[in-house]
Amino acid sequence: MTKKVLKYITLFTTVFVVCLGLLATTSKIPKSAIQNNIKESAEYYKKVNGIEYIRKWREYTYIHYYADSVLLNIIYSVDTAHPLSSVLKANFYEHIKQDVNTDFIEMVENGYEPNTEYLRYWHGSMSIIRPLLTFLNIWQIYILNGVTMLLLIIFLTILLFKRNKVLAVTFLVGLVGITIIFVPMCLEYTWTVLVSLVFSIIALLIEKKKPNLLYPMFMVSGMLACYLDFLSTETLTLTLPLILVLCVRYKDGRIKNFKQGFKFLTIATILWIVGYAGMWFAKWFLASFVLGINSFDYVTEKAMIRVNEPVNRYEGFELMIQAVLRNLRIIFPLPNFRNYMDIILILIPIVVLLIHIIVVDIKKIKKLWFSLLMLLVGVIPIIRFMILANHAYRHCFFTFRALLVTIMAIIIICVNTVVAKRDSLNKENFKKFCNKQVNLCIWRKKQKQN
């Protein structure tokens, strides 16, 4: 037990040092090396708003350029002479009550100095974007982003088709539901999706040959989610690899009961939380030490706003429920049927329940333990919405994409009902039933003619 704990501590420390080193090293890239592409990027942001509505009232099309322009603002404000302290404090220029795109443009064009901080996040994506800015502008980075994501999706889909064709189709349906096509258009949307795709591929490649590496992998995925993300769909980095591994192992007969599956789910989730939360606290403790401040003074108030500050007169449990509903309503294609979306949301669980009532043999109900396992994975993003209710309510137009696994879980649960289907629905019995009905119809027709 002690050896295992030491291994995880060593792994956490190694990943932490590498991430910090990358952030500090890339921040040494001189401002002159990125200046031209920063100016071209500022020109691009003149054409869009902080929140760009590609289609009004179709929230799944909204692009949150706010976070991207803030990121470039921080990158351009980095003091290359003091890279470590500069990236930890994450200073940028802000003009109160002004569109953040305009803040970034004015800073670039007028040479304004940074006047505020964004200390609470790692902004680890700077270690990727700053080197890219030496030869690409933001629009070109978006294109590269899209190509990278497409290749990862294709590769993962091919892997899934080899292991579990139904799961592969379910995954693709889920991607349609979260309108994956809009994700590469915004860096903020990108990082957790890329991390979840990469770790899903890794998980499928190692889960059989090197299963002992899976648990450390989940901890690292949590760390990288915290390092790269702007608080968007961080749970995807846990839930997507988790649901895929559970499904392929169930199909192969390597998870034989609920207890085995639940144990894997629980340990993977705990380690992911350790990695994710540990990375947050590591950032704040390090910032306090290096900057000579109490960084928690900069964090606590903002964190509590994300949790429970009232929105539109909603607060407490009511806000939690509204946060969940707002996210569910954005799943494609529900916004296209705005007048009926609540009816559709009510009908979905009713239809799922009816399928179970019609198909499932009560005597075989024990065979549905895997559906319960899928349900547990599927509710993880919903629990997250309820915990960070204010954030999930305000930013539902991108946080809803965490529901990818919820969509997948619902489909898998429906498919899994076949395991416990009634004997009368077996292929041969069903064929006999159909033939009987056809013969009955023919007999009745002859009777009428006579």
Protein backbone atom coordinates (compact mmCIF):
# COMPACT_ATOMS: atom_id res chain seq x y z
CA MET A 1 0.00 0.00 0.00
CA THR A 2 2.78 2.43 0.98
CA LYS A 3 4.70 1.65 -2.21
CA LYS A 4 1.61 2.38 -4.32
CA VAL A 5 1.05 5.72 -2.58
CA LEU A 6 4.70 6.66 -3.13
CA LYS A 7 4.40 5.75 -6.82
CA TYR A 8 1.39 8.04 -7.21
CA ILE A 9 3.13 10.85 -5.33
CA THR A 10 6.17 10.44 -7.59
CA LEU A 11 3.98 10.43 -10.69
CA PHE A 12 2.07 13.53 -9.55
CA THR A 13 5.30 15.39 -8.78
CA THR A 14 6.85 14.44 -12.13
CA VAL A 15 3.83 15.58 -14.15
CA PHE A 16 3.58 18.76 -12.08
CA VAL A 17 7.26 19.65 -12.65
CA VAL A 18 7.03 18.91 -16.39
CA CYS A 19 3.90 21.05 -16.77
CA LEU A 20 5.40 23.92 -14.80
CA GLY A 21 8.66 23.63 -16.72
CA LEU A 22 6.87 23.78 -20.08
CA LEU A 23 4.90 26.83 -19.00
CA ALA A 24 7.96 28.70 -17.76
CA THR A 25 10.20 27.65 -20.68
CA THR A 26 7.77 28.61 -23.45
CA SER A 27 7.17 31.94 -21.70
CA LYS A 28 10.82 32.76 -22.43
CA ILE A 29 9.96 33.00 -26.15
CA PRO A 30 10.50 36.71 -26.87
CA LYS A 31 7.51 38.94 -27.57
CA SER A 32 9.06 39.96 -30.89
CA ALA A 33 8.78 36.33 -32.11
CA ILE A 34 5.00 36.29 -31.71
CA GLN A 35 4.22 39.96 -32.36
CA ASN A 36 3.20 39.69 -36.03
CA ASN A 37 0.83 36.79 -35.46
CA ILE A 38 -0.58 38.44 -32.34
CA LYS A 39 -1.40 41.52 -34.45
CA GLU A 40 -3.02 39.34 -37.11
CA SER A 41 -5.01 37.62 -34.36
CA ALA A 42 -6.17 41.00 -33.05
CA GLU A 43 -7.44 41.79 -36.56
CA TYR A 44 -9.42 38.55 -36.52
CA TYR A 45 -11.07 39.43 -33.18
CA LYS A 46 -12.22 42.76 -34.65
CA LYS A 47 -14.69 40.72 -36.74
CA VAL A 48 -16.26 38.78 -33.86
CA ASN A 49 -17.78 39.40 -30.42
CA GLY A 50 -16.77 38.00 -27.05
CA ILE A 51 -19.69 35.60 -27.46
CA GLU A 52 -20.32 35.07 -31.16
CA TYR A 53 -23.83 33.88 -32.04
CA ILE A 54 -23.45 31.91 -35.26
CA ARG A 55 -27.19 31.15 -35.10
CA LYS A 56 -29.39 33.08 -32.71
CA TRP A 57 -31.32 30.87 -30.24
CA ARG A 58 -29.21 27.88 -31.24
CA GLU A 59 -26.93 27.83 -28.19
CA TYR A 60 -24.90 24.90 -29.49
CA THR A 61 -23.53 27.29 -32.16
CA TYR A 62 -22.33 29.96 -29.72
CA ILE A 63 -18.55 30.54 -29.71
CA HIS A 64 -16.98 31.90 -26.52
CA TYR A 65 -14.14 34.00 -27.94
CA TYR A 66 -14.01 35.71 -24.54
CA ALA A 67 -11.70 33.07 -23.08
CA ASP A 68 -9.49 32.89 -26.18
CA SER A 69 -8.91 36.64 -26.35
CA VAL A 70 -8.13 36.68 -22.60
CA LEU A 71 -5.63 33.85 -23.16
CA LEU A 72 -3.86 35.77 -25.95
CA ASN A 73 -4.00 38.87 -23.77
CA ILE A 74 -2.17 36.99 -20.99
CA ILE A 75 0.34 35.50 -23.47
CA TYR A 76 1.18 38.95 -24.87
CA SER A 77 1.44 40.39 -21.33
CA VAL A 78 3.96 37.80 -20.09
CA ASP A 79 7.17 39.30 -18.71
CA THR A 80 9.80 37.15 -20.46
CA ALA A 81 12.45 38.38 -18.01
CA HIS A 82 10.53 36.83 -15.10
CA PRO A 83 8.67 33.93 -16.73
CA LEU A 84 7.78 31.88 -13.63
CA SER A 85 6.25 34.66 -11.55
CA SER A 86 4.61 36.13 -14.64
CA VAL A 87 2.80 32.95 -15.73
CA LEU A 88 1.73 32.19 -12.15
CA LYS A 89 0.07 35.59 -11.73
CA ALA A 90 -1.29 35.66 -15.32
CA ASN A 91 -1.62 39.42 -15.70
CA PHE A 92 -3.60 40.92 -18.59
CA TYR A 93 -5.13 44.22 -19.69
CA GLU A 94 -8.80 44.85 -18.98
CA HIS A 95 -11.05 47.87 -19.41
CA ILE A 96 -14.11 47.55 -17.16
CA LYS A 97 -17.46 47.13 -18.95
CA GLN A 98 -15.84 46.67 -22.32
CA ASP A 99 -15.87 43.65 -24.64
CA VAL A 100 -12.79 41.55 -23.87
CA ASN A 101 -11.97 41.32 -27.57
CA THR A 102 -11.68 45.11 -27.58
CA ASP A 103 -9.41 44.91 -24.50
CA PHE A 104 -7.05 42.59 -26.36
CA ILE A 105 -7.12 44.71 -29.54
CA GLU A 106 -6.43 47.95 -27.65
CA MET A 107 -3.56 46.38 -25.69
CA VAL A 108 -1.91 45.17 -28.91
CA GLU A 109 -2.45 48.39 -30.87
CA ASN A 110 -1.82 50.91 -28.10
CA GLY A 111 0.75 49.04 -26.03
CA TYR A 112 -1.30 49.17 -22.81
CA GLU A 113 0.22 47.54 -19.74
CA PRO A 114 -1.58 44.67 -17.94
CA ASN A 115 -3.69 45.89 -15.03
CA THR A 116 -5.41 42.79 -13.59
CA GLU A 117 -4.73 39.14 -12.82
CA TYR A 118 -6.19 35.73 -13.65
CA LEU A 119 -4.24 33.82 -11.02
CA ARG A 120 -6.75 31.12 -10.18
CA TYR A 121 -6.25 29.10 -13.40
CA TRP A 122 -3.11 27.39 -14.66
CA HIS A 123 -3.56 28.65 -18.25
CA GLY A 124 -1.34 25.71 -19.20
CA SER A 125 -2.49 25.95 -22.82
CA MET A 126 -0.09 28.90 -23.12
CA SER A 127 2.71 26.32 -23.31
CA ILE A 128 1.12 25.10 -26.57
CA ILE A 129 -0.27 28.33 -28.04
CA ARG A 130 2.76 30.57 -27.46
CA PRO A 131 5.12 28.39 -29.58
CA LEU A 132 2.40 28.08 -32.26
CA LEU A 133 2.08 31.87 -32.39
CA THR A 134 5.66 32.09 -33.65
CA PHE A 135 4.44 30.87 -37.06
CA LEU A 136 0.59 30.80 -36.95
CA ASN A 137 -2.13 33.35 -36.20
CA ILE A 138 -5.24 32.46 -34.22
CA TRP A 139 -7.36 31.57 -37.28
CA GLN A 140 -4.65 29.19 -38.52
CA ILE A 141 -4.43 27.68 -35.02
CA TYR A 142 -8.19 27.04 -35.13
CA ILE A 143 -7.74 25.18 -38.43
CA LEU A 144 -4.87 23.12 -37.01
CA ASN A 145 -7.04 22.44 -33.99
CA GLY A 146 -9.87 21.13 -36.17
CA VAL A 147 -7.59 18.85 -38.20
CA THR A 148 -6.02 17.43 -35.04
CA MET A 149 -9.40 16.75 -33.45
CA LEU A 150 -10.75 15.12 -36.62
CA LEU A 151 -7.76 12.76 -36.85
CA LEU A 152 -8.13 11.76 -33.19
CA ILE A 153 -11.87 11.11 -33.63
CA ILE A 154 -11.23 8.98 -36.74
CA PHE A 155 -8.51 6.98 -34.97
CA LEU A 156 -10.65 6.42 -31.86
CA THR A 157 -13.68 5.43 -33.97
CA ILE A 158 -11.60 2.86 -35.87
CA LEU A 159 -10.37 1.40 -32.56
CA LEU A 160 -13.94 1.19 -31.30
CA PHE A 161 -15.25 -0.48 -34.46
CA LYS A 162 -12.64 -3.20 -33.99
CA ARG A 163 -13.67 -3.76 -30.37
CA ASN A 164 -17.38 -2.92 -30.21
CA LYS A 165 -19.32 -1.69 -33.26
CA VAL A 166 -22.38 -0.65 -31.25
CA LEU A 167 -20.17 1.43 -28.97
CA ALA A 168 -18.53 3.08 -31.98
CA VAL A 169 -21.92 4.11 -33.38
CA THR A 170 -23.00 5.31 -29.93
CA PHE A 171 -19.86 7.45 -29.69
CA LEU A 172 -20.56 9.06 -33.08
CA VAL A 173 -24.20 9.75 -32.14
CA GLY A 174 -22.94 11.39 -28.94
CA LEU A 175 -20.58 13.62 -30.94
CA VAL A 176 -23.50 14.76 -33.08
CA GLY A 177 -25.51 15.49 -29.94
CA ILE A 178 -22.81 17.82 -28.58
CA THR A 179 -22.26 19.38 -32.05
CA ILE A 180 -18.58 18.52 -32.14
CA ILE A 181 -18.19 20.51 -35.37
CA PHE A 182 -18.20 23.79 -33.40
CA VAL A 183 -15.66 22.72 -30.78
CA PRO A 184 -12.44 23.43 -32.78
CA MET A 185 -13.63 27.00 -33.39
CA CYS A 186 -12.78 27.93 -29.81
CA LEU A 187 -9.65 27.02 -27.85
CA GLU A 188 -11.58 27.06 -24.59
CA TYR A 189 -13.83 24.26 -25.86
CA THR A 190 -10.91 22.29 -27.20
CA TRP A 191 -8.56 21.17 -24.46
CA THR A 192 -10.76 18.80 -22.49
CA VAL A 193 -12.08 17.23 -25.69
CA LEU A 194 -8.54 16.66 -26.99
CA VAL A 195 -7.39 15.26 -23.64
CA SER A 196 -10.41 12.94 -23.42
CA LEU A 197 -9.84 11.68 -26.99
CA VAL A 198 -6.11 11.09 -26.42
CA PHE A 199 -6.63 9.29 -23.11
CA SER A 200 -9.51 7.26 -24.53
CA ILE A 201 -7.19 6.03 -27.28
CA ILE A 202 -4.46 5.27 -24.73
CA ALA A 203 -6.97 3.51 -22.46
CA LEU A 204 -8.19 1.22 -25.25
CA LEU A 205 -4.62 0.38 -26.26
CA ILE A 206 -3.41 -0.51 -22.75
CA GLU A 207 -6.49 -1.74 -20.87
CA LYS A 208 -5.91 -5.36 -21.87
CA LYS A 209 -2.13 -5.62 -22.17
CA LYS A 210 -1.13 -3.24 -19.37
CA PRO A 211 -4.20 -2.77 -17.14
CA ASN A 212 -2.05 -1.67 -14.20
CA LEU A 213 -1.39 1.61 -16.06
CA LEU A 214 -5.06 2.57 -16.27
CA TYR A 215 -5.43 4.01 -12.78
CA PRO A 216 -2.30 6.23 -13.04
CA MET A 217 -3.61 7.34 -16.44
CA PHE A 218 -6.82 8.65 -14.88
CA MET A 219 -4.86 10.67 -12.33
CA VAL A 220 -2.73 12.22 -15.09
CA SER A 221 -5.82 13.01 -17.17
CA GLY A 222 -7.25 14.90 -14.18
CA MET A 223 -4.02 16.84 -13.78
CA LEU A 224 -3.91 17.82 -17.46
CA ALA A 225 -7.59 18.79 -17.41
CA CYS A 226 -6.84 21.26 -14.62
CA TYR A 227 -3.62 22.44 -16.29
CA LEU A 228 -5.17 23.14 -19.70
CA ASP A 229 -8.84 23.87 -19.06
CA PHE A 230 -10.67 27.14 -18.44
CA LEU A 231 -13.42 25.25 -16.52
CA SER A 232 -15.55 23.99 -19.39
CA THR A 233 -16.13 20.23 -19.80
CA GLU A 234 -13.43 18.89 -17.49
CA THR A 235 -15.40 15.75 -16.52
CA LEU A 236 -15.06 14.45 -20.09
CA THR A 237 -11.42 13.62 -19.37
CA LEU A 238 -12.69 11.14 -16.78
CA THR A 239 -15.99 9.92 -18.17
CA LEU A 240 -15.16 9.24 -21.83
CA PRO A 241 -12.19 6.89 -21.22
CA LEU A 242 -14.14 5.38 -18.30
CA ILE A 243 -17.29 4.51 -20.24
CA LEU A 244 -15.30 3.11 -23.18
CA VAL A 245 -13.17 0.82 -21.00
CA LEU A 246 -16.20 -0.41 -19.08
CA CYS A 247 -18.08 -1.21 -22.31
CA VAL A 248 -15.27 -3.08 -24.08
CA ARG A 249 -14.50 -5.10 -20.94
CA TYR A 250 -18.18 -5.94 -20.47
CA LYS A 251 -18.47 -7.10 -24.08
CA ASP A 252 -15.35 -9.25 -23.69
CA GLY A 253 -16.72 -10.76 -20.47
CA ARG A 254 -13.90 -9.30 -18.36
CA ILE A 255 -16.34 -7.46 -16.10
CA LYS A 256 -18.63 -10.15 -14.79
CA ASN A 257 -20.70 -8.31 -12.19
CA PHE A 258 -21.65 -4.91 -10.81
CA LYS A 259 -19.11 -5.10 -7.99
CA GLN A 260 -16.15 -5.42 -10.40
CA GLY A 261 -17.39 -2.56 -12.57
CA PHE A 262 -18.22 -0.31 -9.63
CA LYS A 263 -14.78 -0.89 -8.08
CA PHE A 264 -13.06 0.19 -11.30
CA LEU A 265 -15.35 3.22 -11.66
CA THR A 266 -14.81 4.30 -8.05
CA ILE A 267 -11.01 4.01 -8.00
CA ALA A 268 -10.65 5.70 -11.41
CA THR A 269 -12.91 8.57 -10.28
CA ILE A 270 -11.09 9.05 -6.96
CA LEU A 271 -7.69 9.15 -8.67
CA TRP A 272 -8.98 11.58 -11.30
CA ILE A 273 -10.29 13.87 -8.54
CA VAL A 274 -6.95 13.61 -6.71
CA GLY A 275 -5.12 14.63 -9.89
CA TYR A 276 -7.58 17.41 -10.77
CA ALA A 277 -7.96 18.93 -7.29
CA GLY A 278 -4.29 18.35 -6.46
CA MET A 279 -3.23 20.35 -9.50
CA TRP A 280 -5.45 23.27 -8.46
CA PHE A 281 -4.00 23.40 -4.95
CA ALA A 282 -0.46 22.93 -6.25
CA LYS A 283 -0.91 26.03 -8.41
CA TRP A 284 -2.25 28.13 -5.55
CA PHE A 285 0.42 27.02 -3.06
CA LEU A 286 3.19 27.58 -5.59
CA ALA A 287 1.82 31.02 -6.51
CA SER A 288 1.70 31.97 -2.81
CA PHE A 289 5.32 30.90 -2.34
CA VAL A 290 6.77 32.48 -5.51
CA LEU A 291 4.74 35.70 -5.46
CA GLY A 292 4.87 36.19 -1.69
CA ILE A 293 1.09 36.49 -1.38
CA ASN A 294 -1.82 34.44 -0.10
CA SER A 295 -3.21 33.30 -3.43
CA PHE A 296 -6.29 31.86 -1.75
CA ASP A 297 -7.47 35.46 -1.20
CA TYR A 298 -7.67 35.73 -5.00
CA VAL A 299 -9.44 32.40 -5.41
CA THR A 300 -12.02 31.88 -2.66
CA GLU A 301 -14.49 34.60 -3.61
CA LYS A 302 -14.52 33.70 -7.32
CA ALA A 303 -14.85 30.01 -6.53
CA MET A 304 -17.91 30.57 -4.36
CA ILE A 305 -19.55 32.62 -7.13
CA ARG A 306 -19.25 29.61 -9.46
CA VAL A 307 -20.87 27.40 -6.85
CA ASN A 308 -23.92 29.13 -5.45
CA GLU A 309 -24.34 32.80 -6.38
CA PRO A 310 -28.00 33.30 -7.44
CA VAL A 311 -28.78 33.76 -11.16
CA ASN A 312 -32.02 35.26 -12.51
CA ARG A 313 -33.59 34.91 -9.05
CA TYR A 314 -32.74 31.21 -8.96
CA GLU A 315 -30.78 30.04 -5.94
CA GLY A 316 -30.05 26.95 -3.90
CA PHE A 317 -31.62 23.71 -5.08
CA GLU A 318 -33.79 25.51 -7.65
CA LEU A 319 -30.64 26.91 -9.29
CA MET A 320 -29.14 23.40 -9.38
CA ILE A 321 -32.20 22.03 -11.20
CA GLN A 322 -32.31 24.95 -13.64
CA ALA A 323 -28.59 24.54 -14.38
CA VAL A 324 -29.16 20.89 -15.29
CA LEU A 325 -32.23 21.69 -17.42
CA ARG A 326 -30.52 24.52 -19.30
CA ASN A 327 -27.68 22.18 -20.25
CA LEU A 328 -30.01 19.36 -21.30
CA ARG A 329 -32.05 21.72 -23.48
CA ILE A 330 -29.02 22.57 -25.62
CA ILE A 331 -28.30 19.01 -26.77
CA PHE A 332 -28.67 18.87 -30.54
CA PRO A 333 -31.25 18.91 -32.08
CA LEU A 334 -33.48 20.05 -29.17
CA PRO A 335 -32.99 23.82 -29.75
CA ASN A 336 -34.40 23.31 -33.26
CA PHE A 337 -37.69 22.35 -31.59
CA ARG A 338 -37.66 25.08 -28.97
CA ASN A 339 -41.44 25.07 -28.44
CA TYR A 340 -41.43 21.35 -27.71
CA MET A 341 -38.04 20.74 -26.07
CA ASP A 342 -39.40 20.32 -22.54
CA ILE A 343 -41.96 17.81 -23.80
CA ILE A 344 -39.17 15.93 -25.58
CA LEU A 345 -37.06 15.93 -22.40
CA ILE A 346 -39.98 14.43 -20.48
CA LEU A 347 -40.65 11.86 -23.20
CA ILE A 348 -37.05 10.55 -23.33
CA PRO A 349 -37.05 8.90 -19.85
CA ILE A 350 -40.67 7.75 -20.40
CA VAL A 351 -39.70 6.05 -23.68
CA VAL A 352 -36.64 4.44 -22.04
CA LEU A 353 -38.87 3.19 -19.20
CA LEU A 354 -41.46 1.82 -21.64
CA ILE A 355 -38.76 -0.02 -23.57
CA HIS A 356 -37.72 -1.69 -20.32
CA ILE A 357 -41.32 -2.55 -19.39
CA ILE A 358 -42.08 -4.02 -22.82
CA VAL A 359 -38.77 -5.79 -23.44
CA VAL A 360 -37.41 -6.82 -20.04
CA ASP A 361 -38.36 -10.07 -18.34
CA ILE A 362 -38.61 -9.36 -14.58
CA LYS A 363 -37.10 -12.79 -13.87
CA LYS A 364 -33.95 -11.68 -15.73
CA ILE A 365 -33.73 -8.24 -14.11
CA LYS A 366 -30.38 -9.11 -12.47
CA LYS A 367 -28.81 -9.04 -15.92
CA LEU A 368 -29.36 -5.27 -16.04
CA TRP A 369 -26.57 -4.51 -13.56
CA PHE A 370 -24.49 -3.04 -16.40
CA SER A 371 -27.26 -0.52 -17.14
CA LEU A 372 -26.93 0.69 -13.54
CA LEU A 373 -23.18 1.06 -14.06
CA MET A 374 -23.79 3.14 -17.20
CA LEU A 375 -26.28 5.27 -15.30
CA LEU A 376 -23.63 6.08 -12.68
CA VAL A 377 -21.20 7.25 -15.37
CA GLY A 378 -23.94 9.19 -17.16
CA VAL A 379 -24.92 11.24 -14.09
CA ILE A 380 -21.35 12.44 -13.36
CA PRO A 381 -21.67 15.59 -15.54
CA ILE A 382 -25.11 16.26 -14.04
CA ILE A 383 -23.62 16.13 -10.54
CA ARG A 384 -20.96 18.57 -11.72
CA PHE A 385 -23.66 20.96 -13.02
CA MET A 386 -25.36 20.87 -9.63
CA ILE A 387 -22.15 21.48 -7.67
CA LEU A 388 -21.06 24.40 -9.88
CA ALA A 389 -24.62 25.51 -10.53
CA ASN A 390 -23.91 29.19 -11.18
CA HIS A 391 -21.20 28.37 -13.71
CA ALA A 392 -23.21 25.63 -15.43
CA TYR A 393 -26.25 27.92 -15.69
CA ARG A 394 -24.38 30.92 -17.11
CA HIS A 395 -22.12 28.95 -19.43
CA CYS A 396 -24.53 26.21 -20.47
CA PHE A 397 -23.80 26.93 -24.16
CA PHE A 398 -20.49 25.08 -23.79
CA THR A 399 -20.71 23.11 -20.52
CA PHE A 400 -23.53 21.01 -22.07
CA ARG A 401 -20.91 19.14 -24.11
CA ALA A 402 -19.94 17.22 -20.97
CA LEU A 403 -23.23 15.36 -21.61
CA LEU A 404 -21.56 13.38 -24.40
CA VAL A 405 -21.25 10.43 -22.01
CA THR A 406 -24.82 10.90 -20.76
CA ILE A 407 -26.10 10.54 -24.32
CA MET A 408 -23.90 7.47 -24.78
CA ALA A 409 -25.04 5.98 -21.46
CA ILE A 410 -28.74 6.33 -22.36
CA ILE A 411 -28.22 4.59 -25.72
CA ILE A 412 -26.13 1.82 -24.13
CA ILE A 413 -28.78 1.29 -21.43
CA CYS A 414 -31.46 0.87 -24.12
CA VAL A 415 -29.30 -1.53 -26.12
CA ASN A 416 -28.45 -3.47 -22.96
CA THR A 417 -32.12 -4.24 -22.29
CA VAL A 418 -31.82 -6.92 -25.00
CA VAL A 419 -29.74 -8.93 -22.51
CA ALA A 420 -32.79 -9.32 -20.28
CA LYS A 421 -35.44 -9.49 -23.02
CA ARG A 422 -38.50 -11.68 -22.76
CA ASP A 423 -38.26 -15.15 -24.26
CA SER A 424 -41.19 -14.28 -26.50
CA LEU A 425 -38.98 -11.69 -28.17
CA ASN A 426 -36.31 -14.21 -29.14
CA LYS A 427 -35.74 -14.35 -32.86
CA GLU A 428 -37.36 -17.74 -33.43
CA ASN A 429 -40.31 -17.08 -31.15
CA PHE A 430 -40.81 -13.64 -32.63
CA LYS A 431 -40.73 -15.13 -36.14
CA LYS A 432 -43.35 -17.74 -35.12
CA PHE A 433 -45.49 -14.99 -33.60
CA CYS A 434 -45.31 -12.92 -36.79
CA ASN A 435 -46.13 -15.94 -38.99
CA LYS A 436 -49.08 -16.75 -36.73
CA GLN A 437 -50.40 -13.21 -37.07
CA VAL A 438 -49.97 -13.28 -40.86
CA ASN A 439 -51.81 -16.62 -41.13
CA LEU A 440 -54.56 -15.27 -38.89
CA CYS A 441 -55.01 -12.26 -41.15
CA ILE A 442 -55.15 -14.48 -44.24
CA TRP A 443 -57.77 -16.72 -42.58
CA ARG A 444 -59.92 -13.73 -41.60
CA LYS A 445 -59.71 -12.36 -45.12
CA LYS A 446 -60.92 -15.70 -46.58
CA GLN A 447 -63.74 -15.80 -44.05
CA LYS A 448 -64.96 -12.37 -45.18
CA GLN A 449 -64.80 -13.40 -48.86
CA ASN A 450 -66.89 -16.50 -48.14
